[in-house]
Amino acid sequence: MKHNYDFSQSIKSPYFKKLQKPVTIELKEEVVNYFSQLAEETGISY
């Protein structure tokens, strides 16, 4: 394996956007609050 790789000439995959699908789910308020609080405690954006 190389220590460094040069990706400056790389191109994005044209299929990448097709791999993503928006999904909607319903969560209980307690679940949302739990993850919101966990994100605040760890400093990760919610």
PDB file of N, CA and C in Angstrom:
ATOM      1  N   MET A   1       0.823  -1.174   0.000  1.00  0.00           N
ATOM      2  CA  MET A   1       0.000   0.000   0.000  1.00  0.00           C
ATOM      3  C   MET A   1       0.874   1.246   0.000  1.00  0.00           C
ATOM      4  N   LYS A   2       0.418   2.246  -0.712  1.00  0.00           N
ATOM      5  CA  LYS A   2       1.134   3.516  -0.723  1.00  0.00           C
ATOM      6  C   LYS A   2       0.855   4.292   0.553  1.00  0.00           C
ATOM      7  N   HIS A   3       1.765   5.177   0.914  1.00  0.00           N
ATOM      8  CA  HIS A   3       1.539   6.033   2.075  1.00  0.00           C
ATOM      9  C   HIS A   3       0.588   7.170   1.734  1.00  0.00           C
ATOM     10  N   ASN A   4       0.624   7.664   0.496  1.00  0.00           N
ATOM     11  CA  ASN A   4      -0.246   8.760   0.059  1.00  0.00           C
ATOM     12  C   ASN A   4      -0.836   8.423  -1.302  1.00  0.00           C
ATOM     13  N   TYR A   5      -2.056   8.823  -1.508  1.00  0.00           N
ATOM     14  CA  TYR A   5      -2.723   8.635  -2.789  1.00  0.00           C
ATOM     15  C   TYR A   5      -3.128  10.003  -3.328  1.00  0.00           C
ATOM     16  N   ASP A   6      -3.055  10.160  -4.648  1.00  0.00           N
ATOM     17  CA  ASP A   6      -3.399  11.431  -5.291  1.00  0.00           C
ATOM     18  C   ASP A   6      -4.770  11.302  -5.950  1.00  0.00           C
ATOM     19  N   PHE A   7      -5.764  11.948  -5.389  1.00  0.00           N
ATOM     20  CA  PHE A   7      -7.117  11.911  -5.933  1.00  0.00           C
ATOM     21  C   PHE A   7      -7.469  13.197  -6.670  1.00  0.00           C
ATOM     22  N   SER A   8      -6.486  14.015  -6.967  1.00  0.00           N
ATOM     23  CA  SER A   8      -6.752  15.303  -7.601  1.00  0.00           C
ATOM     24  C   SER A   8      -7.319  15.156  -9.009  1.00  0.00           C
ATOM     25  N   GLN A   9      -7.062  14.059  -9.693  1.00  0.00           N
ATOM     26  CA  GLN A   9      -7.559  13.842 -11.045  1.00  0.00           C
ATOM     27  C   GLN A   9      -8.808  12.942 -11.066  1.00  0.00           C
ATOM     28  N   SER A  10      -9.313  12.598  -9.893  1.00  0.00           N
ATOM     29  CA  SER A  10     -10.464  11.696  -9.839  1.00  0.00           C
ATOM     30  C   SER A  10     -11.755  12.430 -10.190  1.00  0.00           C
ATOM     31  N   ILE A  11     -12.758  11.662 -10.589  1.00  0.00           N
ATOM     32  CA  ILE A  11     -14.071  12.225 -10.901  1.00  0.00           C
ATOM     33  C   ILE A  11     -15.109  11.520 -10.027  1.00  0.00           C
ATOM     34  N   LYS A  12     -16.209  12.215  -9.729  1.00  0.00           N
ATOM     35  CA  LYS A  12     -17.279  11.618  -8.948  1.00  0.00           C
ATOM     36  C   LYS A  12     -18.000  10.573  -9.779  1.00  0.00           C
ATOM     37  N   SER A  13     -18.474   9.562  -9.109  1.00  0.00           N
ATOM     38  CA  SER A  13     -19.234   8.517  -9.781  1.00  0.00           C
ATOM     39  C   SER A  13     -20.574   9.085 -10.253  1.00  0.00           C
ATOM     40  N   PRO A  14     -20.942   8.854 -11.508  1.00  0.00           N
ATOM     41  CA  PRO A  14     -22.239   9.356 -11.986  1.00  0.00           C
ATOM     42  C   PRO A  14     -23.412   8.602 -11.363  1.00  0.00           C
ATOM     43  N   TYR A  15     -23.149   7.478 -10.717  1.00  0.00           N
ATOM     44  CA  TYR A  15     -24.202   6.660 -10.123  1.00  0.00           C
ATOM     45  C   TYR A  15     -24.444   6.990  -8.659  1.00  0.00           C
ATOM     46  N   PHE A  16     -23.628   7.864  -8.089  1.00  0.00           N
ATOM     47  CA  PHE A  16     -23.721   8.150  -6.665  1.00  0.00           C
ATOM     48  C   PHE A  16     -25.089   8.699  -6.274  1.00  0.00           C
ATOM     49  N   LYS A  17     -25.615   9.647  -7.012  1.00  0.00           N
ATOM     50  CA  LYS A  17     -26.912  10.239  -6.667  1.00  0.00           C
ATOM     51  C   LYS A  17     -28.036   9.216  -6.781  1.00  0.00           C
ATOM     52  N   LYS A  18     -27.882   8.247  -7.652  1.00  0.00           N
ATOM     53  CA  LYS A  18     -28.908   7.223  -7.811  1.00  0.00           C
ATOM     54  C   LYS A  18     -28.922   6.257  -6.635  1.00  0.00           C
ATOM     55  N   LEU A  19     -27.830   6.209  -5.879  1.00  0.00           N
ATOM     56  CA  LEU A  19     -27.747   5.311  -4.739  1.00  0.00           C
ATOM     57  C   LEU A  19     -28.442   5.880  -3.511  1.00  0.00           C
ATOM     58  N   GLN A  20     -28.682   7.167  -3.505  1.00  0.00           N
ATOM     59  CA  GLN A  20     -29.313   7.811  -2.361  1.00  0.00           C
ATOM     60  C   GLN A  20     -30.816   7.925  -2.574  1.00  0.00           C
ATOM     61  N   LYS A  21     -31.564   7.593  -1.522  1.00  0.00           N
ATOM     62  CA  LYS A  21     -33.011   7.744  -1.569  1.00  0.00           C
ATOM     63  C   LYS A  21     -33.467   8.434  -0.296  1.00  0.00           C
ATOM     64  N   PRO A  22     -34.316   9.446  -0.422  1.00  0.00           N
ATOM     65  CA  PRO A  22     -34.846  10.083   0.784  1.00  0.00           C
ATOM     66  C   PRO A  22     -35.822   9.138   1.483  1.00  0.00           C
ATOM     67  N   VAL A  23     -35.738   9.103   2.800  1.00  0.00           N
ATOM     68  CA  VAL A  23     -36.604   8.229   3.587  1.00  0.00           C
ATOM     69  C   VAL A  23     -37.207   9.048   4.721  1.00  0.00           C
ATOM     70  N   THR A  24     -38.486   8.865   4.936  1.00  0.00           N
ATOM     71  CA  THR A  24     -39.176   9.531   6.030  1.00  0.00           C
ATOM     72  C   THR A  24     -39.628   8.474   7.027  1.00  0.00           C
ATOM     73  N   ILE A  25     -39.306   8.691   8.306  1.00  0.00           N
ATOM     74  CA  ILE A  25     -39.770   7.778   9.337  1.00  0.00           C
ATOM     75  C   ILE A  25     -40.368   8.589  10.478  1.00  0.00           C
ATOM     76  N   GLU A  26     -41.275   7.980  11.177  1.00  0.00           N
ATOM     77  CA  GLU A  26     -41.888   8.628  12.324  1.00  0.00           C
ATOM     78  C   GLU A  26     -41.263   8.059  13.586  1.00  0.00           C
ATOM     79  N   LEU A  27     -40.824   8.945  14.465  1.00  0.00           N
ATOM     80  CA  LEU A  27     -40.216   8.540  15.722  1.00  0.00           C
ATOM     81  C   LEU A  27     -40.994   9.140  16.881  1.00  0.00           C
ATOM     82  N   LYS A  28     -40.985   8.427  17.984  1.00  0.00           N
ATOM     83  CA  LYS A  28     -41.604   8.970  19.189  1.00  0.00           C
ATOM     84  C   LYS A  28     -40.780  10.151  19.676  1.00  0.00           C
ATOM     85  N   GLU A  29     -41.445  11.054  20.363  1.00  0.00           N
ATOM     86  CA  GLU A  29     -40.780  12.260  20.856  1.00  0.00           C
ATOM     87  C   GLU A  29     -39.630  11.909  21.801  1.00  0.00           C
ATOM     88  N   GLU A  30     -39.781  10.843  22.596  1.00  0.00           N
ATOM     89  CA  GLU A  30     -38.717  10.432  23.510  1.00  0.00           C
ATOM     90  C   GLU A  30     -37.453  10.041  22.756  1.00  0.00           C
ATOM     91  N   VAL A  31     -37.616   9.400  21.615  1.00  0.00           N
ATOM     92  CA  VAL A  31     -36.466   8.973  20.808  1.00  0.00           C
ATOM     93  C   VAL A  31     -35.740  10.191  20.250  1.00  0.00           C
ATOM     94  N   VAL A  32     -36.491  11.142  19.743  1.00  0.00           N
ATOM     95  CA  VAL A  32     -35.898  12.366  19.197  1.00  0.00           C
ATOM     96  C   VAL A  32     -35.168  13.130  20.296  1.00  0.00           C
ATOM     97  N   ASN A  33     -35.794  13.244  21.452  1.00  0.00           N
ATOM     98  CA  ASN A  33     -35.167  13.936  22.579  1.00  0.00           C
ATOM     99  C   ASN A  33     -33.886  13.236  23.024  1.00  0.00           C
ATOM    100  N   TYR A  34     -33.912  11.906  23.046  1.00  0.00           N
ATOM    101  CA  TYR A  34     -32.730  11.145  23.447  1.00  0.00           C
ATOM    102  C   TYR A  34     -31.548  11.461  22.527  1.00  0.00           C
ATOM    103  N   PHE A  35     -31.762  11.384  21.229  1.00  0.00           N
ATOM    104  CA  PHE A  35     -30.663  11.623  20.286  1.00  0.00           C
ATOM    105  C   PHE A  35     -30.247  13.095  20.266  1.00  0.00           C
ATOM    106  N   SER A  36     -31.180  13.987  20.473  1.00  0.00           N
ATOM    107  CA  SER A  36     -30.847  15.404  20.557  1.00  0.00           C
ATOM    108  C   SER A  36     -29.949  15.667  21.765  1.00  0.00           C
ATOM    109  N   GLN A  37     -30.305  15.081  22.901  1.00  0.00           N
ATOM    110  CA  GLN A  37     -29.509  15.239  24.117  1.00  0.00           C
ATOM    111  C   GLN A  37     -28.144  14.573  23.954  1.00  0.00           C
ATOM    112  N   LEU A  38     -28.110  13.403  23.363  1.00  0.00           N
ATOM    113  CA  LEU A  38     -26.847  12.700  23.136  1.00  0.00           C
ATOM    114  C   LEU A  38     -25.925  13.514  22.229  1.00  0.00           C
ATOM    115  N   ALA A  39     -26.476  14.127  21.202  1.00  0.00           N
ATOM    116  CA  ALA A  39     -25.685  14.958  20.297  1.00  0.00           C
ATOM    117  C   ALA A  39     -25.131  16.168  21.045  1.00  0.00           C
ATOM    118  N   GLU A  40     -25.937  16.763  21.907  1.00  0.00           N
ATOM    119  CA  GLU A  40     -25.490  17.925  22.678  1.00  0.00           C
ATOM    120  C   GLU A  40     -24.364  17.545  23.638  1.00  0.00           C
ATOM    121  N   GLU A  41     -24.487  16.383  24.289  1.00  0.00           N
ATOM    122  CA  GLU A  41     -23.469  15.927  25.242  1.00  0.00           C
ATOM    123  C   GLU A  41     -22.143  15.610  24.568  1.00  0.00           C
ATOM    124  N   THR A  42     -22.201  15.058  23.371  1.00  0.00           N
ATOM    125  CA  THR A  42     -20.976  14.638  22.684  1.00  0.00           C
ATOM    126  C   THR A  42     -20.399  15.731  21.784  1.00  0.00           C
ATOM    127  N   GLY A  43     -21.170  16.801  21.571  1.00  0.00           N
ATOM    128  CA  GLY A  43     -20.684  17.882  20.727  1.00  0.00           C
ATOM    129  C   GLY A  43     -20.833  17.616  19.244  1.00  0.00           C
ATOM    130  N   ILE A  44     -21.656  16.629  18.905  1.00  0.00           N
ATOM    131  CA  ILE A  44     -21.918  16.298  17.507  1.00  0.00           C
ATOM    132  C   ILE A  44     -23.190  17.041  17.088  1.00  0.00           C
ATOM    133  N   SER A  45     -23.199  17.570  15.873  1.00  0.00           N
ATOM    134  CA  SER A  45     -24.394  18.295  15.427  1.00  0.00           C
ATOM    135  C   SER A  45     -25.572  17.344  15.282  1.00  0.00           C
ATOM    136  N   TYR A  46     -26.737  17.859  15.572  1.00  0.00           N
ATOM    137  CA  TYR A  46     -27.953  17.037  15.540  1.00  0.00           C
ATOM    138  C   TYR A  46     -28.632  17.164  14.213  1.00  0.00           C
TER     139      TYR A  46
END
